[in-house]
Every structure is written in C-alpha cells, then in structure tokens.
Amino acid sequence: MSSGETETDAGENPWAMIGRRLKRPCRQWTFYVVLILGIVILGYLAVWIEVTRAWNFTATPGAPHLDLNSIRLAYATAILAVGAPCCMQIVLTLNKMAILAGIILIFVILTLAYSVSTSDLSLTGVHSAGLFGLLFATLSWWLANGEDELFQDRVNPNAGSGGDLTRNLSGGKSGVKV
C-alpha cells in the first residue's frame, strides 16, 4: 500500500481492494497456518465429524438409511460460524464499497446456510452444496483477514515505534537517571 492509499478511501475501486486482499497473504506462512488449523480443521470440525460418521455408516434393519439432518446442520453451522463474522468484519470497515460487499456476502452466506439446511438433496447433493458454502465462507475469511497485520510474516518496521527507527526521540535524554 502506498503512503497515500488507505483502507478508508471511499473512492477506491472495489476490485482493487479485493485484489489487494486476495494477493497480499499469498506468501505469508502465518496466514496459511491460521487458515488450515484455525478455519479448515477447527472451524469445520463438526463437518469433519459428520462426514466421517456418514462415511462409516452401515445400513441395518433398524436404520436402513443415513439421516442427513445432522450433516446438513453441520454444514450450515460451519458456514455461518466462519462466514457470518467475517462478512461483519468487512462491513465494519470505513470503506463504503467494502460495506456494500460485506452486506452482499452476508446475504449470500445466509442464503447458502439456509438452503443447505432445508434442502431435500441426496447425500452427494448435500455434500456439493455444503462444500460450495464452505469454500464461500473460507473466501470471506480470506477477504476479511487478507490485510491483517496479525497474519503477516513480515512485520512492518515502523509499526511498533510509530515511525522511523533511526530518528531521534523527542523530549531529549536529560532528566533520565539510571
């Protein structure tokens, strides 16, 4: 980002903002570790449990068919748990285009979660719709956190001091006794 370019520029092209948020974390290992461990493994843990249960399902005379309600609920919960807060994080920025994009994303996330949880699809259809929703939720997490300094490997050298590290400190050095 250049010194004149800020996240709060109201006139910024929304595609430039999206492109910047998609590209910046591409070589940041910290970002990928948080994405894999925090979102894909822990955030979608309910989905992994239900998919494993469905994978290991064996029909018996008492239970001839797999109950898809728990899988639908796991997908819908994971989509909402990851996607909705990230969309709200985008909405809470000061950029007008980001607010609009966040509102549109939250509407899509809610629609996906509702359609997955209430649809009468086959097991393959539930998995397809659920995976699409999880990918969309992961994309919203990526967009919300793509420029977050917390997930960057390279630390801004001016961030901790509030300025150039080689400048003289204001206030002088007299009066300090050790």
N, C-alpha and C. Protein backbone atom coordinates (compact mmCIF):
# COMPACT_ATOMS: atom_id res chain seq x y z
N MET A 1 0.84 -1.16 0.00
CA MET A 1 0.00 0.00 0.00
C MET A 1 0.89 1.23 0.00
N SER A 2 0.61 2.19 -0.83
CA SER A 2 1.40 3.41 -0.84
C SER A 2 0.99 4.30 0.32
N SER A 3 1.79 5.34 0.60
CA SER A 3 1.51 6.18 1.75
C SER A 3 0.21 6.96 1.58
N GLY A 4 -0.21 7.26 0.37
CA GLY A 4 -1.45 7.98 0.16
C GLY A 4 -2.67 7.08 0.09
N GLU A 5 -2.48 5.80 0.01
CA GLU A 5 -3.58 4.85 -0.15
C GLU A 5 -3.91 4.24 1.20
N THR A 6 -5.16 4.35 1.60
CA THR A 6 -5.58 3.79 2.88
C THR A 6 -6.78 2.90 2.69
N GLU A 7 -7.04 2.12 3.71
CA GLU A 7 -8.20 1.23 3.68
C GLU A 7 -9.50 2.02 3.69
N THR A 8 -9.46 3.25 4.15
CA THR A 8 -10.68 4.03 4.30
C THR A 8 -10.98 4.91 3.10
N ASP A 9 -10.24 4.77 2.01
CA ASP A 9 -10.52 5.56 0.81
C ASP A 9 -11.90 5.20 0.28
N ALA A 10 -12.80 6.19 0.33
CA ALA A 10 -14.17 5.93 -0.10
C ALA A 10 -14.27 5.78 -1.61
N GLY A 11 -13.35 6.42 -2.35
CA GLY A 11 -13.41 6.36 -3.79
C GLY A 11 -12.60 5.23 -4.40
N GLU A 12 -12.07 4.34 -3.57
CA GLU A 12 -11.23 3.27 -4.09
C GLU A 12 -12.05 2.29 -4.92
N ASN A 13 -11.45 1.82 -5.98
CA ASN A 13 -12.07 0.82 -6.82
C ASN A 13 -12.27 -0.46 -6.00
N PRO A 14 -13.48 -1.01 -5.93
CA PRO A 14 -13.69 -2.21 -5.10
C PRO A 14 -12.91 -3.42 -5.61
N TRP A 15 -12.66 -3.48 -6.92
CA TRP A 15 -11.90 -4.61 -7.45
C TRP A 15 -10.44 -4.52 -7.03
N ALA A 16 -9.93 -3.31 -6.90
CA ALA A 16 -8.55 -3.14 -6.43
C ALA A 16 -8.42 -3.58 -4.98
N MET A 17 -9.42 -3.23 -4.17
CA MET A 17 -9.41 -3.64 -2.77
C MET A 17 -9.48 -5.16 -2.65
N ILE A 18 -10.35 -5.79 -3.41
CA ILE A 18 -10.48 -7.25 -3.38
C ILE A 18 -9.20 -7.90 -3.87
N GLY A 19 -8.64 -7.40 -4.96
CA GLY A 19 -7.39 -7.95 -5.48
C GLY A 19 -6.26 -7.82 -4.49
N ARG A 20 -6.17 -6.67 -3.81
CA ARG A 20 -5.12 -6.47 -2.82
C ARG A 20 -5.28 -7.43 -1.65
N ARG A 21 -6.50 -7.63 -1.19
CA ARG A 21 -6.75 -8.53 -0.07
C ARG A 21 -6.56 -10.00 -0.45
N LEU A 22 -6.74 -10.32 -1.72
CA LEU A 22 -6.51 -11.70 -2.15
C LEU A 22 -5.03 -11.99 -2.37
N LYS A 23 -4.27 -10.99 -2.83
CA LYS A 23 -2.86 -11.21 -3.18
C LYS A 23 -1.90 -11.06 -2.01
N ARG A 24 -2.18 -10.17 -1.09
CA ARG A 24 -1.20 -9.86 -0.05
C ARG A 24 -0.78 -11.07 0.79
N PRO A 25 -1.68 -11.94 1.21
CA PRO A 25 -1.23 -13.06 2.06
C PRO A 25 -0.67 -14.25 1.31
N CYS A 26 -0.50 -14.16 0.00
CA CYS A 26 -0.11 -15.33 -0.79
C CYS A 26 1.21 -15.97 -0.37
N ARG A 27 2.18 -15.21 0.12
CA ARG A 27 3.46 -15.79 0.52
C ARG A 27 3.66 -15.74 2.03
N GLN A 28 2.59 -15.62 2.78
CA GLN A 28 2.68 -15.49 4.23
C GLN A 28 2.33 -16.83 4.89
N TRP A 29 3.33 -17.51 5.43
CA TRP A 29 3.11 -18.82 6.04
C TRP A 29 2.20 -18.73 7.25
N THR A 30 2.29 -17.67 8.01
CA THR A 30 1.43 -17.49 9.18
C THR A 30 -0.04 -17.49 8.77
N PHE A 31 -0.34 -16.82 7.68
CA PHE A 31 -1.71 -16.75 7.18
C PHE A 31 -2.22 -18.15 6.85
N TYR A 32 -1.39 -18.94 6.16
CA TYR A 32 -1.81 -20.29 5.78
C TYR A 32 -1.95 -21.21 6.98
N VAL A 33 -1.09 -21.07 7.97
CA VAL A 33 -1.20 -21.90 9.18
C VAL A 33 -2.51 -21.61 9.89
N VAL A 34 -2.85 -20.34 10.04
CA VAL A 34 -4.12 -19.98 10.68
C VAL A 34 -5.29 -20.45 9.84
N LEU A 35 -5.19 -20.32 8.53
CA LEU A 35 -6.26 -20.76 7.64
C LEU A 35 -6.50 -22.26 7.77
N ILE A 36 -5.42 -23.06 7.72
CA ILE A 36 -5.58 -24.51 7.77
C ILE A 36 -5.99 -24.98 9.16
N LEU A 37 -5.22 -24.57 10.18
CA LEU A 37 -5.50 -25.05 11.54
C LEU A 37 -6.77 -24.43 12.13
N GLY A 38 -6.88 -23.12 12.01
CA GLY A 38 -7.98 -22.43 12.65
C GLY A 38 -9.31 -22.54 11.94
N ILE A 39 -9.30 -22.44 10.64
CA ILE A 39 -10.55 -22.43 9.90
C ILE A 39 -10.91 -23.81 9.36
N VAL A 40 -10.03 -24.39 8.55
CA VAL A 40 -10.36 -25.65 7.88
C VAL A 40 -10.48 -26.81 8.87
N ILE A 41 -9.56 -26.91 9.83
CA ILE A 41 -9.62 -28.05 10.76
C ILE A 41 -10.56 -27.76 11.94
N LEU A 42 -10.28 -26.69 12.70
CA LEU A 42 -11.10 -26.43 13.89
C LEU A 42 -12.45 -25.80 13.56
N GLY A 43 -12.48 -24.85 12.63
CA GLY A 43 -13.73 -24.19 12.28
C GLY A 43 -14.74 -25.12 11.64
N TYR A 44 -14.25 -26.09 10.91
CA TYR A 44 -15.13 -27.03 10.23
C TYR A 44 -15.13 -28.40 10.90
N LEU A 45 -14.80 -28.46 12.18
CA LEU A 45 -14.69 -29.73 12.89
C LEU A 45 -16.01 -30.51 12.90
N ALA A 46 -17.12 -29.83 13.08
CA ALA A 46 -18.42 -30.51 13.08
C ALA A 46 -18.69 -31.19 11.74
N VAL A 47 -18.26 -30.55 10.67
CA VAL A 47 -18.43 -31.15 9.33
C VAL A 47 -17.57 -32.40 9.22
N TRP A 48 -16.32 -32.33 9.66
CA TRP A 48 -15.44 -33.50 9.58
C TRP A 48 -16.01 -34.66 10.39
N ILE A 49 -16.57 -34.39 11.55
CA ILE A 49 -17.15 -35.45 12.38
C ILE A 49 -18.34 -36.08 11.67
N GLU A 50 -19.23 -35.28 11.12
CA GLU A 50 -20.42 -35.81 10.45
C GLU A 50 -20.08 -36.51 9.13
N VAL A 51 -19.10 -36.02 8.41
CA VAL A 51 -18.70 -36.69 7.17
C VAL A 51 -18.09 -38.05 7.50
N THR A 52 -17.29 -38.11 8.56
CA THR A 52 -16.71 -39.40 8.99
C THR A 52 -17.81 -40.36 9.41
N ARG A 53 -18.82 -39.85 10.13
CA ARG A 53 -19.94 -40.69 10.55
C ARG A 53 -20.71 -41.20 9.33
N ALA A 54 -20.91 -40.35 8.34
CA ALA A 54 -21.62 -40.77 7.13
C ALA A 54 -20.78 -41.76 6.33
N TRP A 55 -19.48 -41.55 6.30
CA TRP A 55 -18.57 -42.44 5.57
C TRP A 55 -18.60 -43.84 6.17
N ASN A 56 -18.67 -43.92 7.49
CA ASN A 56 -18.65 -45.20 8.19
C ASN A 56 -20.03 -45.79 8.43
N PHE A 57 -21.07 -45.18 7.85
CA PHE A 57 -22.44 -45.66 8.07
C PHE A 57 -22.65 -47.03 7.41
N THR A 58 -23.25 -47.91 8.18
CA THR A 58 -23.62 -49.22 7.67
C THR A 58 -25.12 -49.40 7.91
N ALA A 59 -25.83 -49.73 6.86
CA ALA A 59 -27.28 -49.90 6.98
C ALA A 59 -27.59 -51.14 7.81
N THR A 60 -28.56 -50.99 8.67
CA THR A 60 -29.06 -52.10 9.49
C THR A 60 -30.57 -52.16 9.31
N PRO A 61 -31.21 -53.27 9.74
CA PRO A 61 -32.67 -53.32 9.61
C PRO A 61 -33.37 -52.20 10.39
N GLY A 62 -32.79 -51.78 11.51
CA GLY A 62 -33.39 -50.70 12.29
C GLY A 62 -33.13 -49.33 11.71
N ALA A 63 -32.03 -49.16 11.02
CA ALA A 63 -31.66 -47.87 10.42
C ALA A 63 -31.18 -48.12 8.98
N PRO A 64 -32.13 -48.29 8.03
CA PRO A 64 -31.73 -48.62 6.66
C PRO A 64 -31.14 -47.45 5.88
N HIS A 65 -31.41 -46.20 6.30
CA HIS A 65 -30.95 -45.03 5.57
C HIS A 65 -30.19 -44.09 6.50
N LEU A 66 -29.22 -43.42 5.94
CA LEU A 66 -28.44 -42.43 6.67
C LEU A 66 -29.29 -41.18 6.90
N ASP A 67 -29.31 -40.69 8.14
CA ASP A 67 -30.02 -39.46 8.46
C ASP A 67 -29.16 -38.27 8.04
N LEU A 68 -29.64 -37.52 7.06
CA LEU A 68 -28.86 -36.41 6.52
C LEU A 68 -29.02 -35.12 7.31
N ASN A 69 -29.94 -35.09 8.29
CA ASN A 69 -30.18 -33.85 9.03
C ASN A 69 -28.94 -33.38 9.79
N SER A 70 -28.20 -34.29 10.37
CA SER A 70 -27.01 -33.88 11.13
C SER A 70 -25.92 -33.34 10.21
N ILE A 71 -25.81 -33.91 9.02
CA ILE A 71 -24.81 -33.40 8.06
C ILE A 71 -25.22 -32.02 7.56
N ARG A 72 -26.50 -31.85 7.26
CA ARG A 72 -27.00 -30.54 6.84
C ARG A 72 -26.75 -29.49 7.92
N LEU A 73 -27.06 -29.86 9.16
CA LEU A 73 -26.86 -28.93 10.27
C LEU A 73 -25.39 -28.60 10.46
N ALA A 74 -24.51 -29.57 10.33
CA ALA A 74 -23.07 -29.33 10.48
C ALA A 74 -22.58 -28.37 9.40
N TYR A 75 -22.98 -28.59 8.15
CA TYR A 75 -22.58 -27.68 7.08
C TYR A 75 -23.11 -26.27 7.33
N ALA A 76 -24.40 -26.15 7.65
CA ALA A 76 -25.00 -24.83 7.86
C ALA A 76 -24.33 -24.11 9.03
N THR A 77 -24.06 -24.84 10.11
CA THR A 77 -23.42 -24.22 11.27
C THR A 77 -22.01 -23.75 10.94
N ALA A 78 -21.24 -24.57 10.24
CA ALA A 78 -19.87 -24.19 9.89
C ALA A 78 -19.85 -23.01 8.93
N ILE A 79 -20.77 -22.99 7.98
CA ILE A 79 -20.84 -21.87 7.04
C ILE A 79 -21.13 -20.58 7.79
N LEU A 80 -22.10 -20.64 8.70
CA LEU A 80 -22.45 -19.44 9.46
C LEU A 80 -21.37 -19.05 10.46
N ALA A 81 -20.75 -20.05 11.11
CA ALA A 81 -19.74 -19.75 12.14
C ALA A 81 -18.51 -19.09 11.56
N VAL A 82 -18.14 -19.43 10.36
CA VAL A 82 -16.95 -18.83 9.74
C VAL A 82 -17.35 -17.64 8.87
N GLY A 83 -18.34 -17.80 8.04
CA GLY A 83 -18.66 -16.77 7.05
C GLY A 83 -19.32 -15.52 7.60
N ALA A 84 -20.27 -15.66 8.52
CA ALA A 84 -21.01 -14.50 9.00
C ALA A 84 -20.14 -13.51 9.77
N PRO A 85 -19.31 -13.94 10.72
CA PRO A 85 -18.46 -12.96 11.40
C PRO A 85 -17.46 -12.28 10.45
N CYS A 86 -16.99 -13.01 9.46
CA CYS A 86 -16.05 -12.42 8.51
C CYS A 86 -16.74 -11.38 7.64
N CYS A 87 -17.96 -11.65 7.26
CA CYS A 87 -18.72 -10.66 6.49
C CYS A 87 -18.99 -9.42 7.34
N MET A 88 -19.28 -9.61 8.62
CA MET A 88 -19.49 -8.47 9.51
C MET A 88 -18.18 -7.70 9.71
N GLN A 89 -17.06 -8.40 9.73
CA GLN A 89 -15.76 -7.75 9.84
C GLN A 89 -15.53 -6.86 8.61
N ILE A 90 -15.93 -7.31 7.46
CA ILE A 90 -15.80 -6.50 6.24
C ILE A 90 -16.75 -5.30 6.31
N VAL A 91 -17.97 -5.53 6.82
CA VAL A 91 -18.96 -4.45 6.91
C VAL A 91 -18.48 -3.35 7.86
N LEU A 92 -17.75 -3.70 8.89
CA LEU A 92 -17.33 -2.72 9.89
C LEU A 92 -16.13 -1.87 9.48
N THR A 93 -15.66 -2.02 8.26
CA THR A 93 -14.61 -1.14 7.77
C THR A 93 -15.23 0.20 7.42
N LEU A 94 -14.39 1.19 7.14
CA LEU A 94 -14.90 2.52 6.82
C LEU A 94 -15.03 2.75 5.32
N ASN A 95 -14.69 1.75 4.52
CA ASN A 95 -14.77 1.88 3.08
C ASN A 95 -16.19 1.57 2.63
N LYS A 96 -16.81 2.50 1.92
CA LYS A 96 -18.21 2.32 1.52
C LYS A 96 -18.41 1.11 0.61
N MET A 97 -17.45 0.86 -0.28
CA MET A 97 -17.57 -0.30 -1.17
C MET A 97 -17.41 -1.60 -0.39
N ALA A 98 -16.55 -1.61 0.64
CA ALA A 98 -16.40 -2.80 1.48
C ALA A 98 -17.67 -3.07 2.26
N ILE A 99 -18.32 -2.04 2.72
CA ILE A 99 -19.59 -2.20 3.44
C ILE A 99 -20.62 -2.85 2.53
N LEU A 100 -20.72 -2.36 1.32
CA LEU A 100 -21.66 -2.93 0.34
C LEU A 100 -21.31 -4.38 0.03
N ALA A 101 -20.01 -4.65 -0.18
CA ALA A 101 -19.58 -6.03 -0.47
C ALA A 101 -19.86 -6.94 0.72
N GLY A 102 -19.63 -6.46 1.94
CA GLY A 102 -19.90 -7.26 3.13
C GLY A 102 -21.37 -7.58 3.29
N ILE A 103 -22.23 -6.63 3.01
CA ILE A 103 -23.68 -6.87 3.10
C ILE A 103 -24.11 -7.90 2.06
N ILE A 104 -23.59 -7.80 0.86
CA ILE A 104 -23.91 -8.78 -0.18
C ILE A 104 -23.40 -10.16 0.21
N LEU A 105 -22.15 -10.22 0.73
CA LEU A 105 -21.59 -11.51 1.17
C LEU A 105 -22.39 -12.14 2.29
N ILE A 106 -22.84 -11.33 3.27
CA ILE A 106 -23.60 -11.91 4.38
C ILE A 106 -24.94 -12.44 3.89
N PHE A 107 -25.54 -11.77 2.92
CA PHE A 107 -26.79 -12.27 2.34
C PHE A 107 -26.55 -13.61 1.64
N VAL A 108 -25.47 -13.71 0.89
CA VAL A 108 -25.15 -14.98 0.20
C VAL A 108 -24.85 -16.08 1.22
N ILE A 109 -24.10 -15.77 2.28
CA ILE A 109 -23.77 -16.76 3.31
C ILE A 109 -25.05 -17.25 3.99
N LEU A 110 -25.94 -16.34 4.36
CA LEU A 110 -27.20 -16.75 5.00
C LEU A 110 -28.06 -17.58 4.06
N THR A 111 -28.10 -17.19 2.79
CA THR A 111 -28.86 -17.96 1.80
C THR A 111 -28.29 -19.36 1.62
N LEU A 112 -26.97 -19.47 1.53
CA LEU A 112 -26.33 -20.78 1.39
C LEU A 112 -26.60 -21.66 2.62
N ALA A 113 -26.44 -21.10 3.80
CA ALA A 113 -26.66 -21.88 5.02
C ALA A 113 -28.12 -22.33 5.12
N TYR A 114 -29.06 -21.46 4.79
CA TYR A 114 -30.47 -21.84 4.83
C TYR A 114 -30.79 -22.90 3.80
N SER A 115 -30.27 -22.75 2.59
CA SER A 115 -30.58 -23.73 1.53
C SER A 115 -29.96 -25.09 1.83
N VAL A 116 -28.76 -25.11 2.41
CA VAL A 116 -28.14 -26.39 2.76
C VAL A 116 -28.93 -27.07 3.87
N SER A 117 -29.39 -26.30 4.85
CA SER A 117 -30.06 -26.91 6.00
C SER A 117 -31.49 -27.34 5.70
N THR A 118 -32.13 -26.78 4.71
CA THR A 118 -33.52 -27.12 4.44
C THR A 118 -33.75 -27.89 3.15
N SER A 119 -32.71 -28.16 2.39
CA SER A 119 -32.90 -28.82 1.09
C SER A 119 -33.12 -30.32 1.26
N ASP A 120 -33.83 -30.89 0.31
CA ASP A 120 -34.06 -32.34 0.28
C ASP A 120 -33.19 -32.95 -0.81
N LEU A 121 -31.90 -32.77 -0.68
CA LEU A 121 -30.96 -33.29 -1.66
C LEU A 121 -30.46 -34.67 -1.23
N SER A 122 -29.88 -35.37 -2.16
CA SER A 122 -29.23 -36.64 -1.83
C SER A 122 -27.95 -36.35 -1.06
N LEU A 123 -27.28 -37.41 -0.62
CA LEU A 123 -26.02 -37.24 0.11
C LEU A 123 -25.00 -36.49 -0.74
N THR A 124 -24.92 -36.82 -2.02
CA THR A 124 -23.99 -36.13 -2.92
C THR A 124 -24.37 -34.67 -3.08
N GLY A 125 -25.65 -34.39 -3.20
CA GLY A 125 -26.11 -33.00 -3.32
C GLY A 125 -25.84 -32.19 -2.07
N VAL A 126 -26.06 -32.80 -0.90
CA VAL A 126 -25.79 -32.11 0.36
C VAL A 126 -24.29 -31.79 0.47
N HIS A 127 -23.45 -32.78 0.12
CA HIS A 127 -22.00 -32.54 0.17
C HIS A 127 -21.59 -31.47 -0.84
N SER A 128 -22.15 -31.48 -2.03
CA SER A 128 -21.79 -30.48 -3.04
C SER A 128 -22.19 -29.07 -2.59
N ALA A 129 -23.43 -28.94 -2.15
CA ALA A 129 -23.89 -27.62 -1.68
C ALA A 129 -23.13 -27.18 -0.44
N GLY A 130 -22.86 -28.10 0.47
CA GLY A 130 -22.13 -27.78 1.68
C GLY A 130 -20.69 -27.37 1.39
N LEU A 131 -20.03 -28.08 0.50
CA LEU A 131 -18.66 -27.73 0.16
C LEU A 131 -18.58 -26.38 -0.55
N PHE A 132 -19.55 -26.09 -1.39
CA PHE A 132 -19.61 -24.78 -2.03
C PHE A 132 -19.77 -23.70 -0.97
N GLY A 133 -20.64 -23.92 0.01
CA GLY A 133 -20.82 -22.96 1.10
C GLY A 133 -19.57 -22.79 1.94
N LEU A 134 -18.86 -23.90 2.22
CA LEU A 134 -17.63 -23.82 3.00
C LEU A 134 -16.55 -23.07 2.22
N LEU A 135 -16.46 -23.29 0.93
CA LEU A 135 -15.50 -22.55 0.10
C LEU A 135 -15.82 -21.06 0.11
N PHE A 136 -17.09 -20.73 0.04
CA PHE A 136 -17.50 -19.33 0.05
C PHE A 136 -17.21 -18.70 1.41
N ALA A 137 -17.45 -19.45 2.50
CA ALA A 137 -17.14 -18.95 3.84
C ALA A 137 -15.64 -18.75 4.01
N THR A 138 -14.84 -19.68 3.47
CA THR A 138 -13.39 -19.55 3.54
C THR A 138 -12.92 -18.34 2.73
N LEU A 139 -13.52 -18.10 1.58
CA LEU A 139 -13.20 -16.92 0.78
C LEU A 139 -13.53 -15.64 1.55
N SER A 140 -14.66 -15.63 2.25
CA SER A 140 -15.00 -14.43 3.03
C SER A 140 -14.00 -14.23 4.16
N TRP A 141 -13.50 -15.32 4.77
CA TRP A 141 -12.47 -15.19 5.81
C TRP A 141 -11.20 -14.62 5.19
N TRP A 142 -10.83 -15.10 4.02
CA TRP A 142 -9.63 -14.64 3.32
C TRP A 142 -9.75 -13.13 3.03
N LEU A 143 -10.90 -12.70 2.52
CA LEU A 143 -11.10 -11.29 2.21
C LEU A 143 -11.09 -10.42 3.47
N ALA A 144 -11.68 -10.92 4.55
CA ALA A 144 -11.73 -10.14 5.78
C ALA A 144 -10.36 -10.01 6.43
N ASN A 145 -9.52 -11.03 6.31
CA ASN A 145 -8.24 -11.04 7.02
C ASN A 145 -7.03 -10.94 6.12
N GLY A 146 -7.22 -10.69 4.85
CA GLY A 146 -6.11 -10.66 3.90
C GLY A 146 -5.07 -9.60 4.17
N GLU A 147 -5.46 -8.50 4.77
CA GLU A 147 -4.51 -7.43 5.05
C GLU A 147 -4.23 -7.27 6.54
N ASP A 148 -4.70 -8.17 7.35
CA ASP A 148 -4.50 -8.08 8.79
C ASP A 148 -3.03 -8.31 9.13
N GLU A 149 -2.44 -7.37 9.86
CA GLU A 149 -1.02 -7.47 10.22
C GLU A 149 -0.75 -8.68 11.12
N LEU A 150 -1.74 -9.16 11.82
CA LEU A 150 -1.57 -10.30 12.72
C LEU A 150 -1.15 -11.55 11.97
N PHE A 151 -1.58 -11.70 10.74
CA PHE A 151 -1.31 -12.90 9.96
C PHE A 151 -0.16 -12.73 8.96
N GLN A 152 0.64 -11.69 9.12
CA GLN A 152 1.73 -11.43 8.20
C GLN A 152 3.05 -11.90 8.79
N ASP A 153 3.90 -12.51 7.98
CA ASP A 153 5.22 -12.94 8.42
C ASP A 153 6.17 -11.76 8.52
N ARG A 154 6.10 -10.87 7.56
CA ARG A 154 6.98 -9.71 7.54
C ARG A 154 6.33 -8.60 8.36
N VAL A 155 7.01 -8.20 9.41
CA VAL A 155 6.49 -7.17 10.30
C VAL A 155 6.89 -5.80 9.76
N ASN A 156 5.97 -4.88 9.81
CA ASN A 156 6.23 -3.51 9.41
C ASN A 156 7.22 -2.91 10.40
N PRO A 157 8.39 -2.47 9.95
CA PRO A 157 9.40 -1.97 10.89
C PRO A 157 8.97 -0.71 11.63
N ASN A 158 8.01 0.00 11.11
CA ASN A 158 7.55 1.22 11.77
C ASN A 158 6.35 0.99 12.68
N ALA A 159 5.82 -0.20 12.72
CA ALA A 159 4.58 -0.44 13.47
C ALA A 159 4.76 -0.29 14.97
N GLY A 160 5.82 -0.86 15.54
CA GLY A 160 5.97 -0.83 16.99
C GLY A 160 6.37 0.52 17.53
N SER A 161 7.16 1.27 16.79
CA SER A 161 7.66 2.55 17.29
C SER A 161 6.80 3.73 16.85
N GLY A 162 5.98 3.53 15.88
CA GLY A 162 5.16 4.62 15.38
C GLY A 162 5.88 5.52 14.41
N GLY A 163 7.05 5.12 13.95
CA GLY A 163 7.80 5.94 13.00
C GLY A 163 9.11 5.29 12.63
N ASP A 164 9.96 6.08 12.01
CA ASP A 164 11.26 5.60 11.57
C ASP A 164 12.12 5.27 12.78
N LEU A 165 12.77 4.11 12.75
CA LEU A 165 13.57 3.66 13.88
C LEU A 165 14.88 4.43 14.03
N THR A 166 15.32 5.13 13.00
CA THR A 166 16.60 5.83 13.07
C THR A 166 16.45 7.28 13.51
N ARG A 167 15.26 7.78 13.69
CA ARG A 167 15.06 9.19 14.06
C ARG A 167 15.37 9.39 15.54
N ASN A 168 15.69 10.64 15.90
CA ASN A 168 15.91 10.99 17.29
C ASN A 168 14.59 11.04 18.03
N LEU A 169 14.60 10.59 19.26
CA LEU A 169 13.39 10.61 20.06
C LEU A 169 13.11 12.02 20.55
N SER A 170 11.87 12.40 20.63
CA SER A 170 11.51 13.73 21.12
C SER A 170 11.63 13.75 22.65
N GLY A 171 11.88 14.92 23.19
CA GLY A 171 11.95 15.05 24.64
C GLY A 171 13.36 15.05 25.18
N GLY A 172 14.35 14.69 24.42
CA GLY A 172 15.72 14.71 24.88
C GLY A 172 16.05 13.55 25.81
N LYS A 173 17.31 13.57 26.28
CA LYS A 173 17.77 12.47 27.11
C LYS A 173 18.11 12.93 28.53
N SER A 174 18.05 14.20 28.79
CA SER A 174 18.35 14.68 30.14
C SER A 174 17.15 14.43 31.04
N GLY A 175 17.43 14.25 32.29
CA GLY A 175 16.35 14.01 33.25
C GLY A 175 16.11 12.55 33.52
N VAL A 176 16.73 11.69 32.75
CA VAL A 176 16.59 10.26 32.97
C VAL A 176 17.83 9.79 33.70
N LYS A 177 17.63 9.30 34.93
CA LYS A 177 18.77 8.82 35.69
C LYS A 177 18.56 7.35 35.98
N VAL A 178 19.60 6.61 35.73
CA VAL A 178 19.52 5.17 35.94
C VAL A 178 20.43 4.78 37.08
